[in-house]
């Protein structure tokens, strides 16, 4: 509902801690161009060089969602994937990974 009201949303697990205000970061490039930003527990520099982010799962313990039609569509798909899962193990994180790995328009973060 917050996205529908044009609020950008940080969804964080209870054990996530911000050491500083993340809002200025999200207002600067390259993050300004991101509709969705998500954490990963995977630190694999050789794997990232070969196949950026596609070899490991995203961690929905920290997700940034920018209010936009595309993100609203994505969150509806995400919600439906969890709600209609036939397997109990498919919760928010598994559903998020299933949708993003199947998405043809996934753009990777690149440094300058």
Foldseek 3Di string as FASTA:
>chain_A
DCLVVQDKDKAADPPDDDPDDCVVVCVDPPNVVDQKDFAFPDDDVVVCVVPNPLVGFTDSNTMIHGRDPVSVVVVVQLVVCQVPPPDPPDHNRNSNRVVQSPDPPDDDDDDD
